[in-house]
Amino acid sequence: MLPLRLVLIGATEGFRRIPPLVVLFLVFFGFAFLHIEIAPFSTALIALTMIATAFIAEIMRSGFAAIPRAQWDAAITMNFSLVQTLRYVVVPQAWKIVVPTISLFFVMFIKDTALASQLGVIELTFVGKSFIDRGFSPLLSFGTILIFYFLLSFPLARFGQWLEARLASS
């Protein structure tokens, strides 16, 4: 399993270190190089999924690593299987650790989707640029986009805070 592990570690570290816009262009031009015709939206979806997967994998890894070895050993002592250890011991503790980070990541990631407009994907930023091209005020166009991004991210941030408070130890 070492070769697979090295490939996965390399992919995770790579996608976390490369700027999202560069990943978008690499995927876009990679498909073009391979003569695969794919819609810009699908290209952006694939690239953003690869980036999100890398970040979430690292967040989850750090959550599992934060669980003391004694917890794993106690589960083994109680004759738990690996699945039982994860279900009853590790995941409930790790979940409390990773929820704040994952909710913050999702809020930030919503804003990163604006980079897909560079590929011609019609999303909020692209629409704002289109309005400016049609003669609308840049301040009005991007001010409206600001409101839409706020309306998307604020409830998600509040949900993350609620979930964090619900999972907090009493």
N, C-alpha and C. Protein backbone atom coordinates (compact mmCIF):
# COMPACT_ATOMS: atom_id res chain seq x y z
N MET A 1 0.82 -1.21 0.00
CA MET A 1 0.00 0.00 0.00
C MET A 1 0.86 1.27 0.00
N LEU A 2 2.18 1.12 0.18
CA LEU A 2 3.04 2.30 0.24
C LEU A 2 2.98 3.13 -1.04
N PRO A 3 3.03 2.53 -2.25
CA PRO A 3 2.95 3.37 -3.46
C PRO A 3 1.64 4.17 -3.55
N LEU A 4 0.53 3.52 -3.21
CA LEU A 4 -0.75 4.23 -3.23
C LEU A 4 -0.76 5.36 -2.21
N ARG A 5 -0.22 5.07 -1.03
CA ARG A 5 -0.17 6.09 0.02
C ARG A 5 0.67 7.29 -0.42
N LEU A 6 1.80 7.03 -1.06
CA LEU A 6 2.66 8.12 -1.53
C LEU A 6 1.98 8.95 -2.60
N VAL A 7 1.26 8.28 -3.50
CA VAL A 7 0.53 9.01 -4.55
C VAL A 7 -0.55 9.90 -3.93
N LEU A 8 -1.30 9.35 -2.95
CA LEU A 8 -2.36 10.13 -2.31
C LEU A 8 -1.80 11.29 -1.49
N ILE A 9 -0.69 11.06 -0.79
CA ILE A 9 -0.06 12.15 -0.04
C ILE A 9 0.43 13.23 -1.00
N GLY A 10 1.05 12.80 -2.10
CA GLY A 10 1.53 13.77 -3.09
C GLY A 10 0.40 14.58 -3.70
N ALA A 11 -0.72 13.91 -4.03
CA ALA A 11 -1.85 14.63 -4.60
C ALA A 11 -2.45 15.60 -3.59
N THR A 12 -2.60 15.15 -2.35
CA THR A 12 -3.16 16.01 -1.32
C THR A 12 -2.28 17.23 -1.09
N GLU A 13 -1.00 17.01 -0.93
CA GLU A 13 -0.09 18.14 -0.70
C GLU A 13 -0.03 19.04 -1.93
N GLY A 14 -0.02 18.45 -3.11
CA GLY A 14 0.05 19.25 -4.33
C GLY A 14 -1.15 20.16 -4.49
N PHE A 15 -2.35 19.61 -4.36
CA PHE A 15 -3.56 20.42 -4.55
C PHE A 15 -3.74 21.44 -3.44
N ARG A 16 -3.16 21.21 -2.28
CA ARG A 16 -3.24 22.20 -1.20
C ARG A 16 -2.24 23.33 -1.41
N ARG A 17 -1.16 23.07 -2.12
CA ARG A 17 -0.09 24.07 -2.27
C ARG A 17 -0.21 24.90 -3.55
N ILE A 18 -0.88 24.35 -4.56
CA ILE A 18 -1.00 25.05 -5.84
C ILE A 18 -2.22 25.98 -5.77
N PRO A 19 -2.09 27.22 -6.22
CA PRO A 19 -3.24 28.14 -6.20
C PRO A 19 -4.41 27.57 -7.01
N PRO A 20 -5.64 27.78 -6.53
CA PRO A 20 -6.81 27.22 -7.23
C PRO A 20 -6.92 27.63 -8.69
N LEU A 21 -6.55 28.86 -9.00
CA LEU A 21 -6.63 29.30 -10.40
C LEU A 21 -5.68 28.49 -11.28
N VAL A 22 -4.50 28.18 -10.77
CA VAL A 22 -3.55 27.37 -11.53
C VAL A 22 -4.10 25.96 -11.73
N VAL A 23 -4.72 25.39 -10.71
CA VAL A 23 -5.32 24.05 -10.85
C VAL A 23 -6.43 24.09 -11.90
N LEU A 24 -7.26 25.13 -11.87
CA LEU A 24 -8.32 25.26 -12.87
C LEU A 24 -7.74 25.27 -14.29
N PHE A 25 -6.69 26.06 -14.49
CA PHE A 25 -6.08 26.12 -15.82
C PHE A 25 -5.39 24.82 -16.19
N LEU A 26 -4.74 24.16 -15.24
CA LEU A 26 -4.09 22.87 -15.54
C LEU A 26 -5.11 21.82 -15.97
N VAL A 27 -6.23 21.76 -15.27
CA VAL A 27 -7.27 20.79 -15.64
C VAL A 27 -7.87 21.17 -16.99
N PHE A 28 -8.15 22.45 -17.19
CA PHE A 28 -8.74 22.92 -18.44
C PHE A 28 -7.84 22.60 -19.63
N PHE A 29 -6.57 22.98 -19.52
CA PHE A 29 -5.66 22.74 -20.63
C PHE A 29 -5.21 21.29 -20.70
N GLY A 30 -5.27 20.57 -19.58
CA GLY A 30 -4.96 19.13 -19.59
C GLY A 30 -5.98 18.37 -20.43
N PHE A 31 -7.26 18.69 -20.27
CA PHE A 31 -8.28 18.05 -21.10
C PHE A 31 -8.09 18.42 -22.57
N ALA A 32 -7.75 19.68 -22.84
CA ALA A 32 -7.53 20.11 -24.22
C ALA A 32 -6.33 19.37 -24.81
N PHE A 33 -5.27 19.20 -24.03
CA PHE A 33 -4.07 18.49 -24.50
C PHE A 33 -4.40 17.03 -24.83
N LEU A 34 -5.27 16.43 -24.05
CA LEU A 34 -5.67 15.04 -24.27
C LEU A 34 -6.78 14.91 -25.31
N HIS A 35 -7.17 16.03 -25.93
CA HIS A 35 -8.23 16.08 -26.94
C HIS A 35 -9.56 15.56 -26.41
N ILE A 36 -9.84 15.90 -25.17
CA ILE A 36 -11.12 15.55 -24.55
C ILE A 36 -11.95 16.82 -24.49
N GLU A 37 -13.09 16.81 -25.18
CA GLU A 37 -13.95 17.98 -25.15
C GLU A 37 -14.88 17.89 -23.95
N ILE A 38 -14.79 18.88 -23.12
CA ILE A 38 -15.59 18.90 -21.90
C ILE A 38 -16.01 20.34 -21.65
N ALA A 39 -17.20 20.51 -21.15
CA ALA A 39 -17.73 21.86 -20.90
C ALA A 39 -16.92 22.56 -19.82
N PRO A 40 -16.78 23.87 -19.93
CA PRO A 40 -16.03 24.61 -18.92
C PRO A 40 -16.58 24.40 -17.50
N PHE A 41 -17.90 24.28 -17.38
CA PHE A 41 -18.48 24.05 -16.06
C PHE A 41 -18.00 22.71 -15.49
N SER A 42 -17.98 21.68 -16.31
CA SER A 42 -17.51 20.36 -15.86
C SER A 42 -16.04 20.41 -15.49
N THR A 43 -15.26 21.14 -16.27
CA THR A 43 -13.84 21.30 -15.96
C THR A 43 -13.65 21.98 -14.62
N ALA A 44 -14.39 23.05 -14.40
CA ALA A 44 -14.30 23.76 -13.12
C ALA A 44 -14.76 22.87 -11.98
N LEU A 45 -15.81 22.11 -12.21
CA LEU A 45 -16.32 21.20 -11.18
C LEU A 45 -15.27 20.15 -10.80
N ILE A 46 -14.62 19.59 -11.79
CA ILE A 46 -13.58 18.58 -11.53
C ILE A 46 -12.42 19.20 -10.77
N ALA A 47 -11.95 20.35 -11.22
CA ALA A 47 -10.81 21.00 -10.57
C ALA A 47 -11.13 21.41 -9.14
N LEU A 48 -12.28 22.03 -8.94
CA LEU A 48 -12.65 22.47 -7.59
C LEU A 48 -12.91 21.28 -6.67
N THR A 49 -13.41 20.18 -7.22
CA THR A 49 -13.61 18.97 -6.41
C THR A 49 -12.27 18.40 -5.97
N MET A 50 -11.30 18.41 -6.86
CA MET A 50 -9.96 17.91 -6.49
C MET A 50 -9.35 18.77 -5.39
N ILE A 51 -9.51 20.08 -5.49
CA ILE A 51 -8.98 20.98 -4.47
C ILE A 51 -9.69 20.76 -3.13
N ALA A 52 -11.02 20.71 -3.17
CA ALA A 52 -11.79 20.53 -1.94
C ALA A 52 -11.48 19.18 -1.29
N THR A 53 -11.34 18.15 -2.10
CA THR A 53 -11.02 16.82 -1.56
C THR A 53 -9.69 16.84 -0.83
N ALA A 54 -8.71 17.51 -1.40
CA ALA A 54 -7.39 17.57 -0.76
C ALA A 54 -7.47 18.30 0.58
N PHE A 55 -8.17 19.41 0.62
CA PHE A 55 -8.27 20.16 1.88
C PHE A 55 -9.07 19.40 2.93
N ILE A 56 -10.19 18.82 2.53
CA ILE A 56 -11.01 18.09 3.50
C ILE A 56 -10.28 16.85 4.00
N ALA A 57 -9.54 16.19 3.12
CA ALA A 57 -8.75 15.02 3.55
C ALA A 57 -7.73 15.41 4.61
N GLU A 58 -7.09 16.54 4.42
CA GLU A 58 -6.10 16.98 5.40
C GLU A 58 -6.76 17.42 6.71
N ILE A 59 -7.91 18.05 6.61
CA ILE A 59 -8.64 18.44 7.82
C ILE A 59 -9.04 17.20 8.61
N MET A 60 -9.57 16.20 7.91
CA MET A 60 -9.97 14.96 8.57
C MET A 60 -8.76 14.22 9.15
N ARG A 61 -7.65 14.19 8.41
CA ARG A 61 -6.44 13.53 8.91
C ARG A 61 -5.97 14.18 10.20
N SER A 62 -5.99 15.51 10.23
CA SER A 62 -5.55 16.20 11.44
C SER A 62 -6.51 15.96 12.60
N GLY A 63 -7.80 15.82 12.31
CA GLY A 63 -8.77 15.51 13.35
C GLY A 63 -8.53 14.14 13.95
N PHE A 64 -8.25 13.16 13.09
CA PHE A 64 -7.95 11.81 13.59
C PHE A 64 -6.63 11.79 14.34
N ALA A 65 -5.66 12.56 13.86
CA ALA A 65 -4.35 12.59 14.53
C ALA A 65 -4.43 13.25 15.91
N ALA A 66 -5.44 14.08 16.12
CA ALA A 66 -5.58 14.77 17.41
C ALA A 66 -6.11 13.85 18.51
N ILE A 67 -6.64 12.72 18.12
CA ILE A 67 -7.16 11.78 19.12
C ILE A 67 -5.98 11.06 19.76
N PRO A 68 -5.87 11.11 21.08
CA PRO A 68 -4.73 10.47 21.74
C PRO A 68 -4.66 8.97 21.47
N ARG A 69 -3.45 8.46 21.39
CA ARG A 69 -3.24 7.03 21.14
C ARG A 69 -3.91 6.18 22.23
N ALA A 70 -4.00 6.71 23.42
CA ALA A 70 -4.63 5.97 24.52
C ALA A 70 -6.08 5.63 24.21
N GLN A 71 -6.78 6.49 23.46
CA GLN A 71 -8.17 6.21 23.08
C GLN A 71 -8.25 5.00 22.16
N TRP A 72 -7.33 4.93 21.20
CA TRP A 72 -7.27 3.78 20.29
C TRP A 72 -6.96 2.50 21.09
N ASP A 73 -5.98 2.62 21.98
CA ASP A 73 -5.57 1.47 22.78
C ASP A 73 -6.70 0.99 23.68
N ALA A 74 -7.47 1.91 24.24
CA ALA A 74 -8.60 1.53 25.10
C ALA A 74 -9.64 0.77 24.29
N ALA A 75 -9.89 1.19 23.07
CA ALA A 75 -10.86 0.50 22.22
C ALA A 75 -10.37 -0.91 21.87
N ILE A 76 -9.06 -1.03 21.62
CA ILE A 76 -8.49 -2.35 21.35
C ILE A 76 -8.62 -3.24 22.58
N THR A 77 -8.38 -2.67 23.74
CA THR A 77 -8.50 -3.41 25.00
C THR A 77 -9.93 -3.89 25.21
N MET A 78 -10.90 -3.10 24.78
CA MET A 78 -12.30 -3.49 24.92
C MET A 78 -12.75 -4.42 23.80
N ASN A 79 -11.79 -4.85 22.97
CA ASN A 79 -12.03 -5.80 21.88
C ASN A 79 -12.94 -5.23 20.80
N PHE A 80 -12.84 -3.91 20.55
CA PHE A 80 -13.58 -3.28 19.47
C PHE A 80 -12.90 -3.61 18.15
N SER A 81 -13.69 -3.77 17.11
CA SER A 81 -13.12 -3.89 15.77
C SER A 81 -12.71 -2.48 15.31
N LEU A 82 -12.05 -2.41 14.17
CA LEU A 82 -11.64 -1.10 13.65
C LEU A 82 -12.87 -0.22 13.38
N VAL A 83 -13.90 -0.81 12.80
CA VAL A 83 -15.12 -0.05 12.51
C VAL A 83 -15.78 0.43 13.80
N GLN A 84 -15.84 -0.43 14.82
CA GLN A 84 -16.42 -0.01 16.09
C GLN A 84 -15.57 1.07 16.75
N THR A 85 -14.25 0.94 16.66
CA THR A 85 -13.36 1.94 17.23
C THR A 85 -13.60 3.30 16.57
N LEU A 86 -13.70 3.29 15.26
CA LEU A 86 -13.94 4.54 14.55
C LEU A 86 -15.33 5.09 14.89
N ARG A 87 -16.33 4.23 14.89
CA ARG A 87 -17.70 4.69 15.09
C ARG A 87 -17.98 5.19 16.50
N TYR A 88 -17.49 4.48 17.49
CA TYR A 88 -17.86 4.81 18.87
C TYR A 88 -16.82 5.62 19.63
N VAL A 89 -15.57 5.59 19.19
CA VAL A 89 -14.52 6.25 19.97
C VAL A 89 -13.90 7.42 19.22
N VAL A 90 -13.40 7.16 18.03
CA VAL A 90 -12.58 8.16 17.34
C VAL A 90 -13.40 9.23 16.64
N VAL A 91 -14.34 8.83 15.81
CA VAL A 91 -15.09 9.81 15.01
C VAL A 91 -15.88 10.80 15.89
N PRO A 92 -16.56 10.36 16.95
CA PRO A 92 -17.26 11.37 17.77
C PRO A 92 -16.32 12.42 18.37
N GLN A 93 -15.10 12.02 18.71
CA GLN A 93 -14.15 13.00 19.25
C GLN A 93 -13.54 13.84 18.14
N ALA A 94 -13.20 13.21 17.03
CA ALA A 94 -12.58 13.94 15.91
C ALA A 94 -13.57 14.91 15.28
N TRP A 95 -14.84 14.53 15.25
CA TRP A 95 -15.86 15.38 14.65
C TRP A 95 -15.91 16.74 15.32
N LYS A 96 -15.79 16.76 16.64
CA LYS A 96 -15.81 18.02 17.38
C LYS A 96 -14.62 18.90 17.02
N ILE A 97 -13.53 18.27 16.63
CA ILE A 97 -12.31 19.00 16.29
C ILE A 97 -12.39 19.55 14.87
N VAL A 98 -12.95 18.76 13.93
CA VAL A 98 -12.90 19.16 12.53
C VAL A 98 -14.06 20.05 12.08
N VAL A 99 -15.18 20.04 12.80
CA VAL A 99 -16.34 20.83 12.37
C VAL A 99 -16.02 22.31 12.19
N PRO A 100 -15.36 22.98 13.15
CA PRO A 100 -15.08 24.41 12.93
C PRO A 100 -14.21 24.67 11.69
N THR A 101 -13.22 23.82 11.48
CA THR A 101 -12.32 24.01 10.35
C THR A 101 -13.03 23.73 9.04
N ILE A 102 -13.83 22.69 9.00
CA ILE A 102 -14.55 22.37 7.76
C ILE A 102 -15.57 23.45 7.42
N SER A 103 -16.28 23.95 8.42
CA SER A 103 -17.26 25.01 8.13
C SER A 103 -16.56 26.27 7.63
N LEU A 104 -15.42 26.60 8.20
CA LEU A 104 -14.65 27.75 7.71
C LEU A 104 -14.17 27.49 6.29
N PHE A 105 -13.71 26.27 6.01
CA PHE A 105 -13.25 25.93 4.66
C PHE A 105 -14.38 26.11 3.65
N PHE A 106 -15.58 25.63 3.97
CA PHE A 106 -16.69 25.74 3.02
C PHE A 106 -17.06 27.19 2.75
N VAL A 107 -17.03 28.03 3.77
CA VAL A 107 -17.32 29.45 3.57
C VAL A 107 -16.27 30.07 2.64
N MET A 108 -15.01 29.75 2.88
CA MET A 108 -13.96 30.30 2.02
C MET A 108 -14.03 29.71 0.61
N PHE A 109 -14.41 28.45 0.52
CA PHE A 109 -14.45 27.78 -0.77
C PHE A 109 -15.54 28.34 -1.67
N ILE A 110 -16.64 28.79 -1.07
CA ILE A 110 -17.70 29.43 -1.86
C ILE A 110 -17.12 30.62 -2.61
N LYS A 111 -16.26 31.36 -1.94
CA LYS A 111 -15.65 32.53 -2.59
C LYS A 111 -14.66 32.12 -3.67
N ASP A 112 -13.98 30.98 -3.48
CA ASP A 112 -13.02 30.51 -4.47
C ASP A 112 -13.68 30.07 -5.78
N THR A 113 -14.97 29.76 -5.73
CA THR A 113 -15.64 29.35 -6.96
C THR A 113 -15.71 30.49 -7.97
N ALA A 114 -15.50 31.71 -7.52
CA ALA A 114 -15.50 32.85 -8.44
C ALA A 114 -14.38 32.72 -9.47
N LEU A 115 -13.34 31.96 -9.14
CA LEU A 115 -12.24 31.78 -10.08
C LEU A 115 -12.67 31.02 -11.33
N ALA A 116 -13.75 30.27 -11.24
CA ALA A 116 -14.24 29.52 -12.39
C ALA A 116 -14.67 30.45 -13.53
N SER A 117 -14.93 31.70 -13.21
CA SER A 117 -15.31 32.65 -14.26
C SER A 117 -14.16 32.87 -15.24
N GLN A 118 -12.95 32.59 -14.82
CA GLN A 118 -11.79 32.74 -15.71
C GLN A 118 -11.80 31.71 -16.83
N LEU A 119 -12.56 30.62 -16.64
CA LEU A 119 -12.70 29.61 -17.69
C LEU A 119 -13.92 29.85 -18.56
N GLY A 120 -14.69 30.88 -18.23
CA GLY A 120 -15.90 31.18 -18.98
C GLY A 120 -17.14 30.56 -18.38
N VAL A 121 -17.02 30.04 -17.17
CA VAL A 121 -18.18 29.48 -16.48
C VAL A 121 -19.06 30.63 -16.04
N ILE A 122 -20.35 30.49 -16.31
CA ILE A 122 -21.28 31.55 -15.94
C ILE A 122 -21.64 31.36 -14.47
N GLU A 123 -21.07 32.19 -13.65
CA GLU A 123 -21.36 32.22 -12.22
C GLU A 123 -21.42 33.68 -11.82
N LEU A 124 -21.51 33.97 -10.53
CA LEU A 124 -21.78 35.35 -10.09
C LEU A 124 -20.78 36.37 -10.63
N THR A 125 -19.51 36.07 -10.52
CA THR A 125 -18.49 37.03 -10.97
C THR A 125 -18.56 37.25 -12.47
N PHE A 126 -18.78 36.16 -13.21
CA PHE A 126 -18.91 36.27 -14.66
C PHE A 126 -20.10 37.14 -15.04
N VAL A 127 -21.21 36.95 -14.35
CA VAL A 127 -22.40 37.76 -14.61
C VAL A 127 -22.13 39.23 -14.30
N GLY A 128 -21.41 39.48 -13.19
CA GLY A 128 -21.06 40.85 -12.85
C GLY A 128 -20.21 41.51 -13.92
N LYS A 129 -19.23 40.76 -14.45
CA LYS A 129 -18.40 41.31 -15.54
C LYS A 129 -19.25 41.54 -16.79
N SER A 130 -20.22 40.66 -17.04
CA SER A 130 -21.10 40.83 -18.20
C SER A 130 -21.94 42.10 -18.07
N PHE A 131 -22.43 42.37 -16.86
CA PHE A 131 -23.20 43.60 -16.65
C PHE A 131 -22.34 44.84 -16.87
N ILE A 132 -21.10 44.78 -16.45
CA ILE A 132 -20.20 45.91 -16.66
C ILE A 132 -19.96 46.12 -18.15
N ASP A 133 -19.81 45.00 -18.89
CA ASP A 133 -19.62 45.11 -20.34
C ASP A 133 -20.84 45.71 -21.04
N ARG A 134 -22.01 45.57 -20.43
CA ARG A 134 -23.24 46.11 -21.01
C ARG A 134 -23.49 47.55 -20.56
N GLY A 135 -22.58 48.12 -19.78
CA GLY A 135 -22.70 49.52 -19.41
C GLY A 135 -23.17 49.79 -18.00
N PHE A 136 -23.39 48.75 -17.22
CA PHE A 136 -23.80 48.98 -15.84
C PHE A 136 -22.61 49.46 -15.01
N SER A 137 -22.92 50.07 -13.91
CA SER A 137 -21.90 50.57 -13.00
C SER A 137 -21.13 49.40 -12.37
N PRO A 138 -19.79 49.47 -12.40
CA PRO A 138 -19.02 48.41 -11.74
C PRO A 138 -19.32 48.32 -10.25
N LEU A 139 -19.52 49.47 -9.61
CA LEU A 139 -19.83 49.47 -8.19
C LEU A 139 -21.16 48.79 -7.92
N LEU A 140 -22.15 49.06 -8.74
CA LEU A 140 -23.47 48.43 -8.59
C LEU A 140 -23.39 46.93 -8.88
N SER A 141 -22.69 46.57 -9.96
CA SER A 141 -22.59 45.15 -10.34
C SER A 141 -21.89 44.34 -9.26
N PHE A 142 -20.71 44.78 -8.87
CA PHE A 142 -19.97 43.99 -7.89
C PHE A 142 -20.51 44.18 -6.47
N GLY A 143 -21.19 45.28 -6.22
CA GLY A 143 -21.88 45.43 -4.94
C GLY A 143 -23.02 44.42 -4.81
N THR A 144 -23.73 44.19 -5.90
CA THR A 144 -24.79 43.18 -5.91
C THR A 144 -24.20 41.79 -5.72
N ILE A 145 -23.08 41.52 -6.37
CA ILE A 145 -22.41 40.22 -6.21
C ILE A 145 -21.96 40.04 -4.77
N LEU A 146 -21.46 41.11 -4.17
CA LEU A 146 -21.06 41.05 -2.76
C LEU A 146 -22.23 40.61 -1.89
N ILE A 147 -23.39 41.15 -2.16
CA ILE A 147 -24.58 40.79 -1.38
C ILE A 147 -24.93 39.32 -1.59
N PHE A 148 -24.86 38.85 -2.83
CA PHE A 148 -25.18 37.45 -3.10
C PHE A 148 -24.18 36.51 -2.41
N TYR A 149 -22.90 36.83 -2.47
CA TYR A 149 -21.92 35.98 -1.78
C TYR A 149 -22.15 36.00 -0.27
N PHE A 150 -22.51 37.16 0.25
CA PHE A 150 -22.82 37.23 1.67
C PHE A 150 -24.03 36.37 2.01
N LEU A 151 -25.07 36.44 1.17
CA LEU A 151 -26.28 35.64 1.41
C LEU A 151 -26.00 34.14 1.31
N LEU A 152 -25.00 33.77 0.54
CA LEU A 152 -24.61 32.35 0.45
C LEU A 152 -23.76 31.92 1.64
N SER A 153 -22.82 32.76 2.02
CA SER A 153 -21.84 32.32 3.02
C SER A 153 -22.28 32.57 4.47
N PHE A 154 -23.05 33.60 4.72
CA PHE A 154 -23.43 33.90 6.10
C PHE A 154 -24.25 32.78 6.75
N PRO A 155 -25.30 32.27 6.07
CA PRO A 155 -26.04 31.16 6.70
C PRO A 155 -25.17 29.93 6.92
N LEU A 156 -24.25 29.67 6.00
CA LEU A 156 -23.35 28.53 6.16
C LEU A 156 -22.44 28.73 7.36
N ALA A 157 -21.94 29.94 7.55
CA ALA A 157 -21.10 30.24 8.71
C ALA A 157 -21.90 30.11 10.00
N ARG A 158 -23.13 30.60 10.00
CA ARG A 158 -23.97 30.47 11.19
C ARG A 158 -24.30 29.01 11.50
N PHE A 159 -24.54 28.22 10.45
CA PHE A 159 -24.80 26.80 10.65
C PHE A 159 -23.56 26.12 11.24
N GLY A 160 -22.38 26.49 10.77
CA GLY A 160 -21.15 25.95 11.33
C GLY A 160 -20.99 26.30 12.80
N GLN A 161 -21.32 27.54 13.16
CA GLN A 161 -21.25 27.95 14.56
C GLN A 161 -22.27 27.19 15.41
N TRP A 162 -23.46 27.01 14.87
CA TRP A 162 -24.50 26.27 15.60
C TRP A 162 -24.06 24.82 15.80
N LEU A 163 -23.54 24.21 14.75
CA LEU A 163 -23.09 22.83 14.85
C LEU A 163 -21.93 22.68 15.83
N GLU A 164 -21.03 23.64 15.79
CA GLU A 164 -19.91 23.63 16.73
C GLU A 164 -20.39 23.74 18.18
N ALA A 165 -21.35 24.63 18.43
CA ALA A 165 -21.88 24.78 19.78
C ALA A 165 -22.65 23.54 20.21
N ARG A 166 -23.34 22.92 19.29
CA ARG A 166 -24.10 21.71 19.61
C ARG A 166 -23.19 20.54 19.94
N LEU A 167 -22.05 20.48 19.28
CA LEU A 167 -21.11 19.38 19.52
C LEU A 167 -20.16 19.65 20.69
N ALA A 168 -20.14 20.88 21.17
CA ALA A 168 -19.21 21.23 22.25
C ALA A 168 -19.52 20.43 23.50
N SER A 169 -18.47 20.16 24.23
CA SER A 169 -18.64 19.43 25.50
C SER A 169 -19.35 20.32 26.50
N SER A 170 -20.19 19.71 27.30
CA SER A 170 -20.91 20.48 28.32
C SER A 170 -20.03 20.67 29.53
